[in-house]
Amino acid sequence: METVTKVLNISAAVGGYGAFRVVWGLIILGGGLKDQTAPDIKQGIGEIAGGALIVLAAVIILSIKFQ
């Protein structure tokens, strides 16, 4: 059961990293929209999507019920 606890702790940390990536993507996207630069807009959207997938994976792992 100790291994399960470690996995859940790591999953929570990974979820925090994903949330950071989403926020960073929003910052990049905002700068790209302000300056009207397509590469920054594209990078910001990619960061947001990637961060959201990381958060989703962490939530799915945390929702697994172990008996």
PDB file of N, CA and C in Angstrom:
ATOM      1  N   MET A   1       0.818  -1.188   0.000  1.00  0.00           N
ATOM      2  CA  MET A   1       0.000   0.000   0.000  1.00  0.00           C
ATOM      3  C   MET A   1       0.868   1.260   0.000  1.00  0.00           C
ATOM      4  N   GLU A   2       2.108   1.101   0.423  1.00  0.00           N
ATOM      5  CA  GLU A   2       3.020   2.236   0.458  1.00  0.00           C
ATOM      6  C   GLU A   2       3.320   2.761  -0.947  1.00  0.00           C
ATOM      7  N   THR A   3       3.419   1.852  -1.906  1.00  0.00           N
ATOM      8  CA  THR A   3       3.676   2.243  -3.294  1.00  0.00           C
ATOM      9  C   THR A   3       2.507   3.042  -3.849  1.00  0.00           C
ATOM     10  N   VAL A   4       1.296   2.648  -3.500  1.00  0.00           N
ATOM     11  CA  VAL A   4       0.100   3.364  -3.965  1.00  0.00           C
ATOM     12  C   VAL A   4       0.111   4.794  -3.441  1.00  0.00           C
ATOM     13  N   THR A   5       0.486   4.968  -2.192  1.00  0.00           N
ATOM     14  CA  THR A   5       0.552   6.309  -1.611  1.00  0.00           C
ATOM     15  C   THR A   5       1.579   7.168  -2.330  1.00  0.00           C
ATOM     16  N   LYS A   6       2.708   6.584  -2.687  1.00  0.00           N
ATOM     17  CA  LYS A   6       3.741   7.324  -3.416  1.00  0.00           C
ATOM     18  C   LYS A   6       3.245   7.744  -4.793  1.00  0.00           C
ATOM     19  N   VAL A   7       2.550   6.841  -5.469  1.00  0.00           N
ATOM     20  CA  VAL A   7       2.018   7.150  -6.803  1.00  0.00           C
ATOM     21  C   VAL A   7       1.003   8.286  -6.717  1.00  0.00           C
ATOM     22  N   LEU A   8       0.148   8.259  -5.713  1.00  0.00           N
ATOM     23  CA  LEU A   8      -0.853   9.316  -5.560  1.00  0.00           C
ATOM     24  C   LEU A   8      -0.198  10.657  -5.244  1.00  0.00           C
ATOM     25  N   ASN A   9       0.864  10.652  -4.450  1.00  0.00           N
ATOM     26  CA  ASN A   9       1.578  11.895  -4.153  1.00  0.00           C
ATOM     27  C   ASN A   9       2.243  12.458  -5.406  1.00  0.00           C
ATOM     28  N   ILE A  10       2.834  11.579  -6.207  1.00  0.00           N
ATOM     29  CA  ILE A  10       3.461  12.022  -7.453  1.00  0.00           C
ATOM     30  C   ILE A  10       2.411  12.558  -8.415  1.00  0.00           C
ATOM     31  N   SER A  11       1.251  11.912  -8.467  1.00  0.00           N
ATOM     32  CA  SER A  11       0.176  12.362  -9.355  1.00  0.00           C
ATOM     33  C   SER A  11      -0.301  13.763  -8.974  1.00  0.00           C
ATOM     34  N   ALA A  12      -0.377  14.042  -7.697  1.00  0.00           N
ATOM     35  CA  ALA A  12      -0.777  15.374  -7.252  1.00  0.00           C
ATOM     36  C   ALA A  12       0.250  16.416  -7.681  1.00  0.00           C
ATOM     37  N   ALA A  13       1.524  16.078  -7.582  1.00  0.00           N
ATOM     38  CA  ALA A  13       2.576  17.007  -8.005  1.00  0.00           C
ATOM     39  C   ALA A  13       2.536  17.223  -9.514  1.00  0.00           C
ATOM     40  N   VAL A  14       2.279  16.166 -10.258  1.00  0.00           N
ATOM     41  CA  VAL A  14       2.180  16.283 -11.715  1.00  0.00           C
ATOM     42  C   VAL A  14       0.996  17.161 -12.093  1.00  0.00           C
ATOM     43  N   GLY A  15      -0.100  17.047 -11.368  1.00  0.00           N
ATOM     44  CA  GLY A  15      -1.256  17.909 -11.617  1.00  0.00           C
ATOM     45  C   GLY A  15      -0.930  19.379 -11.386  1.00  0.00           C
ATOM     46  N   GLY A  16      -0.132  19.655 -10.367  1.00  0.00           N
ATOM     47  CA  GLY A  16       0.301  21.034 -10.120  1.00  0.00           C
ATOM     48  C   GLY A  16       1.172  21.560 -11.244  1.00  0.00           C
ATOM     49  N   TYR A  17       2.038  20.697 -11.769  1.00  0.00           N
ATOM     50  CA  TYR A  17       2.873  21.090 -12.906  1.00  0.00           C
ATOM     51  C   TYR A  17       2.016  21.385 -14.128  1.00  0.00           C
ATOM     52  N   GLY A  18       0.991  20.577 -14.355  1.00  0.00           N
ATOM     53  CA  GLY A  18       0.087  20.811 -15.477  1.00  0.00           C
ATOM     54  C   GLY A  18      -0.655  22.135 -15.337  1.00  0.00           C
ATOM     55  N   ALA A  19      -1.065  22.455 -14.122  1.00  0.00           N
ATOM     56  CA  ALA A  19      -1.743  23.731 -13.889  1.00  0.00           C
ATOM     57  C   ALA A  19      -0.798  24.897 -14.164  1.00  0.00           C
ATOM     58  N   PHE A  20       0.472  24.743 -13.778  1.00  0.00           N
ATOM     59  CA  PHE A  20       1.460  25.783 -14.084  1.00  0.00           C
ATOM     60  C   PHE A  20       1.597  25.971 -15.584  1.00  0.00           C
ATOM     61  N   ARG A  21       1.613  24.865 -16.343  1.00  0.00           N
ATOM     62  CA  ARG A  21       1.734  24.952 -17.805  1.00  0.00           C
ATOM     63  C   ARG A  21       0.537  25.671 -18.412  1.00  0.00           C
ATOM     64  N   VAL A  22      -0.661  25.445 -17.862  1.00  0.00           N
ATOM     65  CA  VAL A  22      -1.851  26.131 -18.359  1.00  0.00           C
ATOM     66  C   VAL A  22      -1.722  27.629 -18.128  1.00  0.00           C
ATOM     67  N   VAL A  23      -1.313  28.015 -16.932  1.00  0.00           N
ATOM     68  CA  VAL A  23      -1.163  29.443 -16.617  1.00  0.00           C
ATOM     69  C   VAL A  23      -0.083  30.069 -17.501  1.00  0.00           C
ATOM     70  N   TRP A  24       1.029  29.373 -17.688  1.00  0.00           N
ATOM     71  CA  TRP A  24       2.103  29.893 -18.538  1.00  0.00           C
ATOM     72  C   TRP A  24       1.606  30.049 -19.979  1.00  0.00           C
ATOM     73  N   GLY A  25       0.815  29.095 -20.443  1.00  0.00           N
ATOM     74  CA  GLY A  25       0.237  29.186 -21.781  1.00  0.00           C
ATOM     75  C   GLY A  25      -0.687  30.387 -21.926  1.00  0.00           C
ATOM     76  N   LEU A  26      -1.442  30.679 -20.884  1.00  0.00           N
ATOM     77  CA  LEU A  26      -2.310  31.861 -20.919  1.00  0.00           C
ATOM     78  C   LEU A  26      -1.498  33.147 -21.017  1.00  0.00           C
ATOM     79  N   ILE A  27      -0.374  33.187 -20.321  1.00  0.00           N
ATOM     80  CA  ILE A  27       0.502  34.365 -20.384  1.00  0.00           C
ATOM     81  C   ILE A  27       1.066  34.530 -21.791  1.00  0.00           C
ATOM     82  N   ILE A  28       1.544  33.432 -22.371  1.00  0.00           N
ATOM     83  CA  ILE A  28       2.094  33.489 -23.726  1.00  0.00           C
ATOM     84  C   ILE A  28       1.007  33.875 -24.728  1.00  0.00           C
ATOM     85  N   LEU A  29      -0.175  33.276 -24.582  1.00  0.00           N
ATOM     86  CA  LEU A  29      -1.289  33.584 -25.481  1.00  0.00           C
ATOM     87  C   LEU A  29      -1.689  35.052 -25.380  1.00  0.00           C
ATOM     88  N   GLY A  30      -1.753  35.568 -24.170  1.00  0.00           N
ATOM     89  CA  GLY A  30      -2.097  36.981 -23.988  1.00  0.00           C
ATOM     90  C   GLY A  30      -1.095  37.908 -24.648  1.00  0.00           C
ATOM     91  N   GLY A  31       0.187  37.602 -24.495  1.00  0.00           N
ATOM     92  CA  GLY A  31       1.222  38.409 -25.149  1.00  0.00           C
ATOM     93  C   GLY A  31       1.141  38.317 -26.656  1.00  0.00           C
ATOM     94  N   GLY A  32       0.845  37.124 -27.159  1.00  0.00           N
ATOM     95  CA  GLY A  32       0.716  36.945 -28.601  1.00  0.00           C
ATOM     96  C   GLY A  32      -0.473  37.683 -29.172  1.00  0.00           C
ATOM     97  N   LEU A  33      -1.573  37.682 -28.437  1.00  0.00           N
ATOM     98  CA  LEU A  33      -2.755  38.405 -28.908  1.00  0.00           C
ATOM     99  C   LEU A  33      -2.523  39.918 -28.865  1.00  0.00           C
ATOM    100  N   LYS A  34      -1.813  40.372 -27.845  1.00  0.00           N
ATOM    101  CA  LYS A  34      -1.529  41.802 -27.732  1.00  0.00           C
ATOM    102  C   LYS A  34      -0.657  42.274 -28.881  1.00  0.00           C
ATOM    103  N   ASP A  35       0.388  41.499 -29.189  1.00  0.00           N
ATOM    104  CA  ASP A  35       1.327  41.877 -30.250  1.00  0.00           C
ATOM    105  C   ASP A  35       0.901  41.384 -31.626  1.00  0.00           C
ATOM    106  N   GLN A  36      -0.140  40.567 -31.667  1.00  0.00           N
ATOM    107  CA  GLN A  36      -0.651  39.965 -32.904  1.00  0.00           C
ATOM    108  C   GLN A  36       0.440  39.175 -33.634  1.00  0.00           C
ATOM    109  N   THR A  37       1.103  38.301 -32.884  1.00  0.00           N
ATOM    110  CA  THR A  37       2.124  37.431 -33.472  1.00  0.00           C
ATOM    111  C   THR A  37       1.594  35.995 -33.469  1.00  0.00           C
ATOM    112  N   ALA A  38       1.465  35.444 -34.657  1.00  0.00           N
ATOM    113  CA  ALA A  38       0.887  34.108 -34.805  1.00  0.00           C
ATOM    114  C   ALA A  38       1.692  33.017 -34.101  1.00  0.00           C
ATOM    115  N   PRO A  39       3.044  33.026 -34.162  1.00  0.00           N
ATOM    116  CA  PRO A  39       3.781  31.951 -33.474  1.00  0.00           C
ATOM    117  C   PRO A  39       3.538  31.937 -31.962  1.00  0.00           C
ATOM    118  N   ASP A  40       3.438  33.104 -31.341  1.00  0.00           N
ATOM    119  CA  ASP A  40       3.179  33.148 -29.903  1.00  0.00           C
ATOM    120  C   ASP A  40       1.767  32.664 -29.586  1.00  0.00           C
ATOM    121  N   ILE A  41       0.816  33.017 -30.423  1.00  0.00           N
ATOM    122  CA  ILE A  41      -0.559  32.563 -30.219  1.00  0.00           C
ATOM    123  C   ILE A  41      -0.610  31.041 -30.322  1.00  0.00           C
ATOM    124  N   LYS A  42       0.058  30.501 -31.336  1.00  0.00           N
ATOM    125  CA  LYS A  42       0.077  29.053 -31.532  1.00  0.00           C
ATOM    126  C   LYS A  42       0.781  28.359 -30.363  1.00  0.00           C
ATOM    127  N   GLN A  43       1.884  28.910 -29.904  1.00  0.00           N
ATOM    128  CA  GLN A  43       2.607  28.319 -28.783  1.00  0.00           C
ATOM    129  C   GLN A  43       1.772  28.383 -27.505  1.00  0.00           C
ATOM    130  N   GLY A  44       1.090  29.499 -27.286  1.00  0.00           N
ATOM    131  CA  GLY A  44       0.252  29.634 -26.098  1.00  0.00           C
ATOM    132  C   GLY A  44      -0.878  28.617 -26.079  1.00  0.00           C
ATOM    133  N   ILE A  45      -1.512  28.420 -27.229  1.00  0.00           N
ATOM    134  CA  ILE A  45      -2.595  27.434 -27.309  1.00  0.00           C
ATOM    135  C   ILE A  45      -2.041  26.030 -27.076  1.00  0.00           C
ATOM    136  N   GLY A  46      -0.867  25.761 -27.621  1.00  0.00           N
ATOM    137  CA  GLY A  46      -0.241  24.451 -27.400  1.00  0.00           C
ATOM    138  C   GLY A  46       0.101  24.210 -25.936  1.00  0.00           C
ATOM    139  N   GLU A  47       0.615  25.231 -25.272  1.00  0.00           N
ATOM    140  CA  GLU A  47       0.937  25.110 -23.844  1.00  0.00           C
ATOM    141  C   GLU A  47      -0.327  24.849 -23.028  1.00  0.00           C
ATOM    142  N   ILE A  48      -1.400  25.566 -23.340  1.00  0.00           N
ATOM    143  CA  ILE A  48      -2.657  25.383 -22.612  1.00  0.00           C
ATOM    144  C   ILE A  48      -3.181  23.967 -22.818  1.00  0.00           C
ATOM    145  N   ALA A  49      -3.169  23.498 -24.072  1.00  0.00           N
ATOM    146  CA  ALA A  49      -3.671  22.150 -24.362  1.00  0.00           C
ATOM    147  C   ALA A  49      -2.805  21.087 -23.688  1.00  0.00           C
ATOM    148  N   GLY A  50      -1.500  21.246 -23.749  1.00  0.00           N
ATOM    149  CA  GLY A  50      -0.605  20.286 -23.112  1.00  0.00           C
ATOM    150  C   GLY A  50      -0.780  20.251 -21.597  1.00  0.00           C
ATOM    151  N   GLY A  51      -0.878  21.428 -21.000  1.00  0.00           N
ATOM    152  CA  GLY A  51      -1.093  21.489 -19.553  1.00  0.00           C
ATOM    153  C   GLY A  51      -2.414  20.879 -19.144  1.00  0.00           C
ATOM    154  N   ALA A  52      -3.446  21.113 -19.951  1.00  0.00           N
ATOM    155  CA  ALA A  52      -4.758  20.539 -19.646  1.00  0.00           C
ATOM    156  C   ALA A  52      -4.720  19.012 -19.725  1.00  0.00           C
ATOM    157  N   LEU A  53      -3.982  18.473 -20.691  1.00  0.00           N
ATOM    158  CA  LEU A  53      -3.855  17.013 -20.783  1.00  0.00           C
ATOM    159  C   LEU A  53      -3.114  16.445 -19.583  1.00  0.00           C
ATOM    160  N   ILE A  54      -2.091  17.148 -19.112  1.00  0.00           N
ATOM    161  CA  ILE A  54      -1.346  16.695 -17.937  1.00  0.00           C
ATOM    162  C   ILE A  54      -2.248  16.698 -16.703  1.00  0.00           C
ATOM    163  N   VAL A  55      -3.032  17.767 -16.544  1.00  0.00           N
ATOM    164  CA  VAL A  55      -3.957  17.845 -15.412  1.00  0.00           C
ATOM    165  C   VAL A  55      -4.998  16.729 -15.509  1.00  0.00           C
ATOM    166  N   LEU A  56      -5.509  16.492 -16.706  1.00  0.00           N
ATOM    167  CA  LEU A  56      -6.501  15.432 -16.908  1.00  0.00           C
ATOM    168  C   LEU A  56      -5.928  14.071 -16.525  1.00  0.00           C
ATOM    169  N   ALA A  57      -4.707  13.793 -16.939  1.00  0.00           N
ATOM    170  CA  ALA A  57      -4.080  12.520 -16.595  1.00  0.00           C
ATOM    171  C   ALA A  57      -3.914  12.377 -15.085  1.00  0.00           C
ATOM    172  N   ALA A  58      -3.521  13.451 -14.420  1.00  0.00           N
ATOM    173  CA  ALA A  58      -3.361  13.403 -12.964  1.00  0.00           C
ATOM    174  C   ALA A  58      -4.702  13.164 -12.275  1.00  0.00           C
ATOM    175  N   VAL A  59      -5.753  13.803 -12.767  1.00  0.00           N
ATOM    176  CA  VAL A  59      -7.082  13.621 -12.176  1.00  0.00           C
ATOM    177  C   VAL A  59      -7.559  12.185 -12.371  1.00  0.00           C
ATOM    178  N   ILE A  60      -7.315  11.631 -13.541  1.00  0.00           N
ATOM    179  CA  ILE A  60      -7.728  10.244 -13.795  1.00  0.00           C
ATOM    180  C   ILE A  60      -6.976   9.286 -12.874  1.00  0.00           C
ATOM    181  N   ILE A  61      -5.682   9.496 -12.696  1.00  0.00           N
ATOM    182  CA  ILE A  61      -4.909   8.624 -11.817  1.00  0.00           C
ATOM    183  C   ILE A  61      -5.386   8.769 -10.369  1.00  0.00           C
ATOM    184  N   LEU A  62      -5.678  10.002  -9.951  1.00  0.00           N
ATOM    185  CA  LEU A  62      -6.140  10.210  -8.577  1.00  0.00           C
ATOM    186  C   LEU A  62      -7.541   9.660  -8.339  1.00  0.00           C
ATOM    187  N   SER A  63      -8.325   9.495  -9.405  1.00  0.00           N
ATOM    188  CA  SER A  63      -9.701   9.003  -9.230  1.00  0.00           C
ATOM    189  C   SER A  63      -9.778   7.473  -9.186  1.00  0.00           C
ATOM    190  N   ILE A  64      -8.663   6.786  -9.436  1.00  0.00           N
ATOM    191  CA  ILE A  64      -8.664   5.325  -9.377  1.00  0.00           C
ATOM    192  C   ILE A  64      -8.814   4.889  -7.916  1.00  0.00           C
ATOM    193  N   LYS A  65      -9.742   3.991  -7.681  1.00  0.00           N
ATOM    194  CA  LYS A  65      -9.983   3.493  -6.327  1.00  0.00           C
ATOM    195  C   LYS A  65      -9.259   2.173  -6.123  1.00  0.00           C
ATOM    196  N   PHE A  66      -8.364   2.150  -5.147  1.00  0.00           N
ATOM    197  CA  PHE A  66      -7.630   0.945  -4.814  1.00  0.00           C
ATOM    198  C   PHE A  66      -8.278   0.297  -3.602  1.00  0.00           C
ATOM    199  N   GLN A  67      -8.331  -1.020  -3.624  1.00  0.00           N
ATOM    200  CA  GLN A  67      -8.956  -1.724  -2.480  1.00  0.00           C
ATOM    201  C   GLN A  67      -7.935  -2.474  -1.692  1.00  0.00           C
TER     202      GLN A  67
END
